Amino acid sequence: MAVIPVDRKPLTLAERAYLPRITGAMKTTLKRLLKPAETLEYPEARPEIPKGYRGVPTLVKDPNGREKCVSCQLCEFVCPPKAIRIKPGEVPENSGRDHVEKAPEAFDIDMLRCIYCGLCQEVCPEEAIFLQNQFSLSGFTREEMVNDKEKLYELGGTLPDEHHKWDKKKAAADHGNAH
């Protein structure tokens, strides 16, 4: 293989001494020195969270306090780092969820593995998992960083149900049983 030489123009004295680069760096340093400090007194003052921020995944209940999760396990299957683990269980009799076949017996999210991608929220057909605006999590052990079902519901709380999907299904089931 032949080597083809490349013709380049020779560097000027200023370019060889790196003067333009040094003066540019000094200019940036002086601008930073003259500018007021941008210190944020965290945790008393929290940074503004941008719209669309994807924070900690949590489970939410419907306005009637019922679990929305039906253990379809779509969030577990779609999670790239495999941070979600669901153990499906049975729905108790007379729980007001007769139209649901199963409920999560255990639901764990390993926050050390979670990459906050938001795929779990996007894929959930029941709108049971939401990404909250919380961004600072800490713990002393790995076990503390695994959020179980109770902690996920504590973090998520209750969100309004825009579609009233379950109430419509229950009303349809009650109406069907009346005939």
Protein backbone atom coordinates (compact mmCIF):
# COMPACT_ATOMS: atom_id res chain seq x y z
CA MET A 1 0.00 0.00 0.00
CA ALA A 2 1.44 3.34 -1.06
CA VAL A 3 1.66 6.29 1.32
CA ILE A 4 0.50 9.56 -0.22
CA PRO A 5 1.97 12.68 1.41
CA VAL A 6 -0.46 15.47 2.36
CA ASP A 7 0.56 19.06 1.66
CA ARG A 8 -0.09 21.32 4.63
CA LYS A 9 0.62 25.00 5.00
CA PRO A 10 3.20 25.79 7.66
CA LEU A 11 2.01 27.09 11.06
CA THR A 12 2.53 30.75 11.90
CA LEU A 13 4.58 31.81 14.91
CA ALA A 14 1.42 32.54 16.97
CA GLU A 15 -0.04 29.12 16.09
CA ARG A 16 3.18 27.37 17.02
CA ALA A 17 3.23 29.16 20.40
CA TYR A 18 -0.48 28.29 21.00
CA LEU A 19 -1.16 31.95 21.80
CA PRO A 20 -4.69 32.10 20.37
CA ARG A 21 -5.72 29.07 22.43
CA ILE A 22 -4.09 30.36 25.61
CA THR A 23 -5.72 33.80 25.30
CA GLY A 24 -9.11 32.19 24.61
CA ALA A 25 -8.78 30.06 27.75
CA MET A 26 -7.72 33.04 29.84
CA LYS A 27 -10.69 35.04 28.55
CA THR A 28 -13.06 32.25 29.63
CA THR A 29 -11.41 32.08 33.06
CA LEU A 30 -11.71 35.85 33.58
CA LYS A 31 -15.40 35.79 32.61
CA ARG A 32 -16.03 33.10 35.23
CA LEU A 33 -14.10 35.01 37.90
CA LEU A 34 -16.11 38.20 37.37
CA LYS A 35 -19.47 36.43 37.27
CA PRO A 36 -21.40 35.97 40.56
CA ALA A 37 -21.37 32.48 42.11
CA GLU A 38 -24.09 30.05 41.01
CA THR A 39 -24.28 28.11 44.26
CA LEU A 40 -27.55 26.40 45.16
CA GLU A 41 -28.08 25.72 48.87
CA TYR A 42 -29.25 22.13 48.41
CA PRO A 43 -31.41 20.56 49.96
CA GLU A 44 -33.08 23.73 51.29
CA ALA A 45 -33.26 25.23 47.79
CA ARG A 46 -34.04 22.70 45.11
CA PRO A 47 -33.32 23.13 41.41
CA GLU A 48 -36.22 23.77 39.06
CA ILE A 49 -37.32 20.50 37.48
CA PRO A 50 -37.83 20.77 33.72
CA LYS A 51 -41.12 19.73 32.11
CA GLY A 52 -41.06 16.12 30.99
CA TYR A 53 -38.44 15.11 33.56
CA ARG A 54 -38.32 11.35 34.12
CA GLY A 55 -37.72 10.63 37.78
CA VAL A 56 -38.36 7.75 40.14
CA PRO A 57 -40.86 5.12 38.91
CA THR A 58 -43.71 4.57 41.38
CA LEU A 59 -47.04 2.74 41.56
CA VAL A 60 -50.27 4.71 41.90
CA LYS A 61 -53.77 3.86 43.07
CA ASP A 62 -57.04 5.01 41.56
CA PRO A 63 -59.18 7.68 43.32
CA ASN A 64 -61.08 4.90 45.16
CA GLY A 65 -57.83 3.60 46.70
CA ARG A 66 -57.67 0.44 44.56
CA GLU A 67 -54.48 -0.94 43.07
CA LYS A 68 -54.35 -0.19 39.36
CA CYS A 69 -51.66 -2.80 38.63
CA VAL A 70 -53.05 -6.04 37.18
CA SER A 71 -49.72 -7.93 37.01
CA CYS A 72 -49.60 -7.98 33.23
CA GLN A 73 -45.80 -7.81 33.60
CA LEU A 74 -45.33 -5.65 30.49
CA CYS A 75 -43.18 -3.20 32.45
CA GLU A 76 -40.98 -6.06 33.63
CA PHE A 77 -40.54 -7.37 30.07
CA VAL A 78 -39.80 -3.96 28.53
CA CYS A 79 -37.32 -2.79 31.22
CA PRO A 80 -33.87 -2.67 29.52
CA PRO A 81 -31.75 -3.19 32.68
CA LYS A 82 -34.25 -5.69 34.18
CA ALA A 83 -34.76 -3.51 37.27
CA ILE A 84 -38.43 -4.52 37.73
CA ARG A 85 -39.51 -7.82 39.29
CA ILE A 86 -43.18 -8.76 39.62
CA LYS A 87 -44.64 -11.82 41.31
CA PRO A 88 -48.29 -12.15 40.21
CA GLY A 89 -50.88 -13.21 42.76
CA GLU A 90 -54.61 -13.79 43.09
CA VAL A 91 -57.19 -11.05 43.58
CA PRO A 92 -59.07 -11.48 46.89
CA GLU A 93 -62.82 -12.13 46.72
CA ASN A 94 -65.11 -9.10 47.27
CA SER A 95 -62.26 -6.64 46.79
CA GLY A 96 -64.19 -4.52 44.28
CA ARG A 97 -61.87 -5.79 41.56
CA ASP A 98 -63.92 -8.71 40.24
CA HIS A 99 -63.11 -7.78 36.64
CA VAL A 100 -59.35 -8.23 37.33
CA GLU A 101 -57.76 -11.66 37.08
CA LYS A 102 -54.57 -11.04 39.05
CA ALA A 103 -52.78 -8.51 41.20
CA PRO A 104 -49.13 -8.16 42.15
CA GLU A 105 -48.18 -10.21 45.18
CA ALA A 106 -44.73 -8.61 45.05
CA PHE A 107 -43.54 -5.67 42.94
CA ASP A 108 -39.90 -4.57 43.30
CA ILE A 109 -37.89 -1.94 41.44
CA ASP A 110 -34.12 -1.93 41.96
CA MET A 111 -33.24 1.77 41.82
CA LEU A 112 -29.54 0.96 41.42
CA ARG A 113 -30.34 -0.71 38.10
CA CYS A 114 -33.10 1.67 36.91
CA ILE A 115 -31.97 3.96 34.08
CA TYR A 116 -35.06 6.23 34.26
CA CYS A 117 -35.94 5.57 30.63
CA GLY A 118 -39.71 5.77 31.15
CA LEU A 119 -40.54 2.69 29.09
CA CYS A 120 -42.39 1.13 32.04
CA GLN A 121 -44.76 4.10 32.20
CA GLU A 122 -45.31 4.14 28.44
CA VAL A 123 -46.14 0.43 28.18
CA CYS A 124 -48.49 0.18 31.21
CA PRO A 125 -52.05 -0.41 29.92
CA GLU A 126 -53.63 0.43 33.30
CA GLU A 127 -51.62 3.63 33.92
CA ALA A 128 -50.48 2.11 37.21
CA ILE A 129 -46.81 3.13 37.03
CA PHE A 130 -45.71 6.76 36.84
CA LEU A 131 -42.38 8.56 36.93
CA GLN A 132 -42.42 11.13 39.71
CA ASN A 133 -40.33 14.32 39.92
CA GLN A 134 -38.19 12.94 42.74
CA PHE A 135 -34.53 12.84 41.76
CA SER A 136 -32.53 12.37 44.94
CA LEU A 137 -32.49 8.85 46.34
CA SER A 138 -29.97 7.55 48.80
CA GLY A 139 -29.38 4.57 51.00
CA PHE A 140 -26.66 2.93 53.02
CA THR A 141 -27.13 -0.58 51.60
CA ARG A 142 -28.17 -2.13 48.31
CA GLU A 143 -31.29 -3.55 49.96
CA GLU A 144 -32.46 -0.03 50.87
CA MET A 145 -32.34 0.91 47.18
CA VAL A 146 -34.86 -1.77 46.17
CA ASN A 147 -38.34 -0.26 46.39
CA ASP A 148 -40.96 -2.86 47.28
CA LYS A 149 -44.68 -2.62 46.57
CA GLU A 150 -45.53 -0.72 49.78
CA LYS A 151 -42.77 1.85 49.24
CA LEU A 152 -43.76 2.27 45.56
CA TYR A 153 -47.36 3.02 46.57
CA GLU A 154 -46.15 5.37 49.32
CA LEU A 155 -44.05 7.32 46.80
CA GLY A 156 -46.75 7.28 44.11
CA GLY A 157 -49.90 7.90 46.11
CA THR A 158 -53.20 8.39 44.28
CA LEU A 159 -53.66 9.97 40.88
CA PRO A 160 -56.93 11.00 39.29
CA ASP A 161 -58.27 8.49 36.79
CA GLU A 162 -59.10 10.43 33.62
CA HIS A 163 -60.67 7.44 31.87
CA HIS A 164 -62.60 5.86 34.79
CA LYS A 165 -61.82 2.57 33.09
CA TRP A 166 -62.40 0.36 36.11
CA ASP A 167 -65.60 2.09 37.16
CA LYS A 168 -67.00 1.59 33.65
CA LYS A 169 -66.01 -2.10 33.67
CA LYS A 170 -67.55 -2.57 37.12
CA ALA A 171 -70.75 -0.77 36.07
CA ALA A 172 -70.94 -2.96 32.95
CA ALA A 173 -70.40 -6.11 35.05
CA ASP A 174 -73.03 -5.01 37.60
CA HIS A 175 -75.44 -4.15 34.80
CA GLY A 176 -74.82 -7.54 33.18
CA ASN A 177 -75.48 -9.35 36.48
CA ALA A 178 -78.76 -7.46 37.02
CA HIS A 179 -80.31 -8.94 33.87
